[in-house]
Amino acid sequence: MRFAISIPQDLNDGEFDPAAFRAFLRRAEELGFDGAWTQEQVLGTAARSSPLETLTYAAACTERIRLGCAVFVTPRHNPVHLAKSLSTLDQLSRGRVDVGVGIGARDRSLSAFGVEPDELVARLTEGLDLMKACWTRPRVTFDGRFWRLDDAAMEPKPFQKPHPPVWFGARHPNALRRAVRLGNGFFGAGSATTAQFAEQVGVVREALAEQGRDAADFSIAKRVYIGVDDDEARAWKRGADTLERFYGRSDLTPVAVCGSADACVEGVREVIDAGAEMVLFTPLFDDAEQMERLAAEVMPHLA
């Protein structure tokens, strides 16, 4: 089993503590976490920092831990700019970058990015093709529906060859099969229940067999919202408040794992039994304290 931790991204105006941020990342390495991951939210009420800048800062604070975003909503990005930024980050981190991609929500904010709802899948797949071309080819000629290049070059290439691993955030069976066809891994959403995740893993495994891919070369992970607290009622109340702030909904507690360390071990083990090979812990409160408790009281019982 591999375990990762979410990088704290709440950045209320004037409240960022650089020393605490550096200490959190360094401690995550000391505790043996395999990865540290961000999320992306460009528009919204949550004061969430941008993933690329956050990951770049994290790369400067660490030496070993892998760094990723689950996920970049790539249809809202220019793929050439995103490819350049990620290639640079992969060089700066000496090959520690994981790239999560997904289509995001079909909501009214798409117009701010010049994107139509019916274009999302096409923009995701074409944009990823163009990013991979920029990462792997010395010269790129590309004639797509949305983007075109004529004998263009992008340097530096990523440190990892041929390019950083690409993880797909996906729910629909078609999206899960697309992940197997185009990606290196599937990342189950934190807002999915364990039962939903188990169904998704089943589709992924069927697609791996259908496409003749070696399951050992395709990773499966899930984000787990978690809160370890000996006072179970308090854990669920604080967790529910955080999820409502994240999603604007009060009905998401079934996706979380909260309570005593033993209860959290049981809940996370269900996720592992459902098929997760890596668990991304996303603490619902007290990030640094929760990371310590997860490493001391939960992870040793799941290895």
Protein backbone atom coordinates (compact mmCIF):
# COMPACT_ATOMS: atom_id res chain seq x y z
CA MET A 1 0.00 0.00 0.00
CA ARG A 2 0.98 3.58 -0.66
CA PHE A 3 -0.29 6.56 1.29
CA ALA A 4 -0.39 10.20 0.29
CA ILE A 5 -1.45 13.37 2.09
CA SER A 6 -3.28 16.45 0.85
CA ILE A 7 -1.26 19.65 0.88
CA PRO A 8 -3.07 22.36 2.89
CA GLN A 9 -4.43 24.87 0.38
CA ASP A 10 -6.74 27.05 2.46
CA LEU A 11 -5.27 30.49 1.92
CA ASN A 12 -7.45 33.13 3.50
CA ASP A 13 -6.17 36.62 2.72
CA GLY A 14 -3.08 37.41 4.76
CA GLU A 15 -3.12 34.15 6.72
CA PHE A 16 -0.54 32.07 4.84
CA ASP A 17 2.21 30.82 7.16
CA PRO A 18 5.31 29.90 5.10
CA ALA A 19 7.11 28.29 8.02
CA ALA A 20 4.13 26.08 8.86
CA PHE A 21 3.75 25.09 5.20
CA ARG A 22 7.40 24.09 4.94
CA ALA A 23 7.23 22.19 8.22
CA PHE A 24 4.13 20.28 7.07
CA LEU A 25 5.78 19.09 3.84
CA ARG A 26 9.06 18.17 5.50
CA ARG A 27 7.22 16.27 8.19
CA ALA A 28 5.19 14.41 5.55
CA GLU A 29 8.47 13.17 4.08
CA GLU A 30 9.78 12.18 7.51
CA LEU A 31 6.61 10.21 8.23
CA GLY A 32 6.99 8.20 5.03
CA PHE A 33 4.11 9.47 2.90
CA ASP A 34 4.62 8.55 -0.75
CA GLY A 35 2.94 11.63 -2.18
CA ALA A 36 1.53 15.07 -1.45
CA TRP A 37 -1.35 16.24 -3.61
CA THR A 38 -3.31 19.39 -4.37
CA GLN A 39 -6.75 20.11 -5.81
CA GLU A 40 -7.80 22.73 -8.35
CA GLN A 41 -10.54 25.32 -7.92
CA VAL A 42 -10.16 28.46 -10.02
CA LEU A 43 -13.58 29.94 -9.23
CA GLY A 44 -15.44 29.34 -5.99
CA THR A 45 -15.90 30.55 -2.45
CA ALA A 46 -13.29 28.26 -0.89
CA ALA A 47 -10.00 30.13 -0.43
CA ARG A 48 -7.98 27.45 -2.20
CA SER A 49 -4.55 28.26 -3.59
CA SER A 50 -3.62 27.48 -7.19
CA PRO A 51 -2.19 23.95 -7.52
CA LEU A 52 0.77 24.70 -9.80
CA GLU A 53 2.19 27.46 -7.63
CA THR A 54 1.52 25.42 -4.49
CA LEU A 55 3.29 22.38 -5.95
CA THR A 56 6.26 24.48 -7.01
CA TYR A 57 6.62 25.79 -3.47
CA ALA A 58 6.25 22.24 -2.17
CA ALA A 59 8.98 21.01 -4.53
CA ALA A 60 11.39 23.54 -3.03
CA CYS A 61 10.53 22.33 0.49
CA THR A 62 11.02 18.62 -0.16
CA GLU A 63 13.45 16.12 -1.67
CA ARG A 64 11.74 12.73 -2.02
CA ILE A 65 7.97 12.90 -1.86
CA ARG A 66 6.00 12.81 -5.12
CA LEU A 67 3.85 15.82 -5.95
CA GLY A 68 0.55 15.85 -7.80
CA CYS A 69 -2.79 17.48 -8.48
CA ALA A 70 -6.04 15.53 -8.45
CA VAL A 71 -7.10 16.92 -10.75
CA PHE A 72 -6.29 19.68 -13.23
CA VAL A 73 -9.55 20.51 -15.02
CA THR A 74 -7.73 20.47 -18.33
CA PRO A 75 -10.53 21.61 -20.67
CA ARG A 76 -10.28 24.99 -18.91
CA HIS A 77 -6.53 25.22 -19.58
CA ASN A 78 -4.46 26.02 -22.64
CA PRO A 79 -2.63 22.70 -23.06
CA VAL A 80 0.57 24.31 -24.37
CA HIS A 81 0.88 26.57 -21.31
CA LEU A 82 -0.01 23.69 -18.97
CA ALA A 83 2.49 21.34 -20.65
CA LYS A 84 5.25 23.93 -20.28
CA SER A 85 4.47 24.58 -16.60
CA LEU A 86 4.33 20.88 -15.74
CA SER A 87 7.50 20.08 -17.66
CA THR A 88 9.28 22.86 -15.78
CA LEU A 89 7.94 21.62 -12.44
CA ASP A 90 9.05 18.09 -13.25
CA GLN A 91 12.56 19.40 -13.91
CA LEU A 92 12.61 21.53 -10.75
CA SER A 93 11.46 18.58 -8.64
CA ARG A 94 13.82 16.12 -10.36
CA GLY A 95 11.03 13.94 -11.68
CA ARG A 96 8.54 13.87 -8.82
CA VAL A 97 5.39 15.09 -10.60
CA ASP A 98 2.11 13.23 -11.10
CA VAL A 99 -0.50 14.83 -13.35
CA GLY A 100 -4.19 14.33 -12.66
CA VAL A 101 -6.67 15.33 -15.38
CA GLY A 102 -10.46 15.53 -15.55
CA ILE A 103 -13.28 17.31 -17.37
CA GLY A 104 -14.74 19.08 -14.33
CA ALA A 105 -18.30 20.30 -13.97
CA ARG A 106 -20.66 21.37 -16.73
CA ASP A 107 -21.66 24.64 -15.12
CA ARG A 108 -22.22 28.28 -16.06
CA SER A 109 -18.61 29.22 -15.27
CA LEU A 110 -17.42 27.44 -18.44
CA SER A 111 -18.16 30.58 -20.43
CA ALA A 112 -15.42 32.41 -18.51
CA PHE A 113 -12.92 29.99 -20.07
CA GLY A 114 -14.37 30.11 -23.58
CA VAL A 115 -15.56 26.52 -23.34
CA GLU A 116 -18.91 25.02 -24.33
CA PRO A 117 -20.38 22.14 -22.25
CA ASP A 118 -20.51 19.78 -25.21
CA GLU A 119 -16.77 20.29 -25.88
CA LEU A 120 -15.40 19.04 -22.58
CA VAL A 121 -14.46 15.48 -23.55
CA ALA A 122 -13.03 16.58 -26.91
CA ARG A 123 -10.97 19.32 -25.26
CA LEU A 124 -9.70 16.88 -22.62
CA THR A 125 -8.56 14.25 -25.12
CA GLU A 126 -7.17 16.66 -27.73
CA GLY A 127 -5.46 18.77 -25.09
CA LEU A 128 -3.83 15.70 -23.54
CA ASP A 129 -2.64 14.54 -26.98
CA LEU A 130 -1.06 17.95 -27.53
CA MET A 131 0.57 17.98 -24.08
CA LYS A 132 2.09 14.55 -24.66
CA ALA A 133 3.35 15.67 -28.07
CA CYS A 134 5.02 18.72 -26.53
CA TRP A 135 6.59 16.51 -23.86
CA THR A 136 7.93 13.81 -26.16
CA ARG A 137 8.60 15.15 -29.68
CA PRO A 138 11.51 17.38 -30.73
CA ARG A 139 9.21 19.23 -33.16
CA VAL A 140 5.42 19.29 -33.07
CA THR A 141 3.00 19.73 -35.94
CA PHE A 142 -0.52 19.41 -34.65
CA ASP A 143 -3.79 20.01 -36.50
CA GLY A 144 -6.61 19.70 -34.02
CA ARG A 145 -10.13 20.96 -33.63
CA PHE A 146 -9.15 23.47 -30.94
CA TRP A 147 -5.37 23.88 -31.19
CA ARG A 148 -2.80 23.89 -33.99
CA LEU A 149 0.99 23.98 -34.08
CA ASP A 150 3.32 24.05 -37.07
CA ASP A 151 6.79 22.60 -36.54
CA ALA A 152 7.00 23.99 -32.99
CA ALA A 153 9.42 22.93 -30.26
CA MET A 154 9.04 22.91 -26.50
CA GLU A 155 12.00 22.62 -24.16
CA PRO A 156 12.86 21.51 -21.59
CA LYS A 157 11.21 18.14 -21.80
CA PRO A 158 10.01 16.62 -18.52
CA PHE A 159 12.62 14.98 -16.29
CA GLN A 160 10.53 11.77 -16.33
CA LYS A 161 10.53 9.90 -19.64
CA PRO A 162 8.49 9.82 -21.70
CA HIS A 163 6.46 12.14 -19.45
CA PRO A 164 5.01 12.33 -15.91
CA PRO A 165 2.36 9.73 -15.06
CA VAL A 166 -1.14 10.85 -16.06
CA TRP A 167 -4.00 10.01 -13.69
CA PHE A 168 -7.64 10.39 -14.66
CA GLY A 169 -10.37 11.54 -12.35
CA ALA A 170 -13.47 9.79 -13.68
CA ARG A 171 -16.90 8.47 -12.71
CA HIS A 172 -18.88 7.48 -15.81
CA PRO A 173 -18.02 4.10 -17.34
CA ASN A 174 -17.03 5.80 -20.61
CA ALA A 175 -14.66 8.08 -18.71
CA LEU A 176 -13.18 5.13 -16.83
CA ARG A 177 -12.49 3.31 -20.09
CA ARG A 178 -10.94 6.50 -21.44
CA ALA A 179 -8.67 6.57 -18.41
CA VAL A 180 -7.42 3.08 -19.21
CA ARG A 181 -6.94 3.96 -22.88
CA LEU A 182 -5.08 7.24 -22.35
CA GLY A 183 -3.73 7.29 -18.80
CA ASN A 184 -1.45 5.66 -16.29
CA GLY A 185 -3.90 5.56 -13.41
CA PHE A 186 -7.41 6.19 -12.09
CA PHE A 187 -8.07 8.46 -9.12
CA GLY A 188 -11.38 7.91 -7.33
CA ALA A 189 -13.03 11.12 -6.17
CA GLY A 190 -13.29 12.05 -2.53
CA SER A 191 -16.96 12.76 -3.13
CA ALA A 192 -17.59 9.14 -4.16
CA THR A 193 -18.67 6.56 -1.60
CA THR A 194 -16.66 3.38 -1.12
CA ALA A 195 -19.45 1.40 -2.82
CA GLN A 196 -19.37 3.71 -5.85
CA PHE A 197 -15.59 3.45 -5.97
CA ALA A 198 -15.79 -0.35 -5.92
CA GLU A 199 -18.10 -0.27 -8.94
CA GLN A 200 -15.71 2.07 -10.75
CA VAL A 201 -12.76 -0.21 -10.04
CA GLY A 202 -14.73 -3.07 -11.56
CA VAL A 203 -15.18 -1.10 -14.78
CA VAL A 204 -11.47 -0.18 -14.81
CA ARG A 205 -10.41 -3.80 -14.41
CA GLU A 206 -12.77 -4.90 -17.19
CA ALA A 207 -11.34 -2.19 -19.46
CA LEU A 208 -7.78 -3.25 -18.66
CA ALA A 209 -8.59 -6.79 -19.73
CA GLU A 210 -10.48 -5.66 -22.85
CA GLN A 211 -7.64 -3.38 -23.94
CA GLY A 212 -4.94 -5.93 -23.16
CA ARG A 213 -3.20 -3.69 -20.63
CA ASP A 214 -1.14 -5.08 -17.79
CA ALA A 215 -2.95 -4.17 -14.57
CA ALA A 216 0.43 -3.88 -12.84
CA ASP A 217 1.22 -0.86 -15.05
CA PHE A 218 -2.01 0.99 -14.24
CA SER A 219 -2.48 2.46 -10.76
CA ILE A 220 -5.71 2.89 -8.81
CA ALA A 221 -6.10 5.42 -6.02
CA LYS A 222 -8.82 7.14 -4.03
CA ARG A 223 -9.07 10.36 -2.10
CA VAL A 224 -10.43 9.74 1.40
CA TYR A 225 -11.80 12.60 3.46
CA ILE A 226 -10.89 11.71 7.02
CA GLY A 227 -11.05 12.98 10.59
CA VAL A 228 -9.48 11.07 13.49
CA ASP A 229 -10.97 12.07 16.85
CA ASP A 230 -11.72 10.01 19.94
CA ASP A 231 -14.94 12.03 20.24
CA GLU A 232 -16.85 10.49 17.33
CA ALA A 233 -19.73 12.98 17.39
CA ARG A 234 -17.31 15.91 17.27
CA ALA A 235 -15.40 14.30 14.41
CA TRP A 236 -18.52 13.92 12.29
CA LYS A 237 -19.74 17.44 13.09
CA ARG A 238 -16.42 19.04 12.13
CA GLY A 239 -16.14 16.83 9.06
CA ALA A 240 -19.65 17.69 7.89
CA ASP A 241 -18.95 21.40 8.29
CA THR A 242 -15.82 21.13 6.17
CA LEU A 243 -17.52 19.13 3.41
CA GLU A 244 -20.36 21.63 3.26
CA ARG A 245 -17.81 24.42 2.90
CA PHE A 246 -16.01 22.52 0.13
CA TYR A 247 -19.05 21.46 -1.87
CA GLY A 248 -21.91 23.69 -0.73
CA ARG A 249 -23.88 20.59 0.25
CA SER A 250 -24.75 19.05 3.60
CA ASP A 251 -25.36 15.47 2.42
CA LEU A 252 -21.81 14.29 1.80
CA THR A 253 -20.91 12.73 5.13
CA PRO A 254 -21.37 9.19 3.67
CA VAL A 255 -18.17 9.75 1.65
CA ALA A 256 -16.05 10.52 4.72
CA VAL A 257 -14.29 8.38 7.32
CA CYS A 258 -14.50 9.87 10.81
CA GLY A 259 -14.18 8.81 14.43
CA SER A 260 -11.66 6.94 16.53
CA ALA A 261 -8.45 5.58 15.07
CA ASP A 262 -9.94 2.07 15.05
CA ALA A 263 -13.03 3.31 13.20
CA CYS A 264 -10.85 5.09 10.67
CA VAL A 265 -8.73 1.98 10.12
CA GLU A 266 -11.92 0.05 9.42
CA GLY A 267 -13.24 2.67 7.01
CA VAL A 268 -9.99 3.00 5.08
CA ARG A 269 -9.56 -0.76 4.91
CA GLU A 270 -12.91 -0.93 3.13
CA VAL A 271 -11.53 1.49 0.53
CA ILE A 272 -8.42 -0.67 0.11
CA ASP A 273 -10.53 -3.81 -0.18
CA ALA A 274 -12.54 -2.02 -2.89
CA GLY A 275 -9.37 -1.77 -4.96
CA ALA A 276 -7.33 1.25 -3.88
CA GLU A 277 -3.58 0.74 -4.25
CA MET A 278 -2.91 4.25 -2.97
CA VAL A 279 -4.98 6.23 -0.49
CA LEU A 280 -4.83 10.01 -0.51
CA PHE A 281 -5.74 11.18 2.98
CA THR A 282 -7.48 14.56 2.96
CA PRO A 283 -7.90 15.68 6.58
CA LEU A 284 -11.15 17.47 7.27
CA PHE A 285 -9.61 19.58 10.04
CA ASP A 286 -6.32 20.24 11.85
CA ASP A 287 -4.09 19.19 8.95
CA ALA A 288 -0.77 18.85 10.80
CA GLU A 289 -2.23 17.09 13.83
CA GLN A 290 -4.27 14.76 11.64
CA MET A 291 -1.21 13.83 9.59
CA GLU A 292 0.60 12.79 12.77
CA ARG A 293 -2.34 10.68 13.95
CA LEU A 294 -2.76 9.05 10.56
CA ALA A 295 0.91 8.06 10.47
CA ALA A 296 0.96 6.80 14.07
CA GLU A 297 -2.50 5.29 14.55
CA VAL A 298 -3.98 4.41 11.15
CA MET A 299 -1.35 3.64 8.51
CA PRO A 300 0.57 0.99 10.52
CA HIS A 301 -2.61 -1.11 10.62
CA LEU A 302 -3.14 -0.92 6.86
CA ALA A 303 0.28 -1.74 5.41
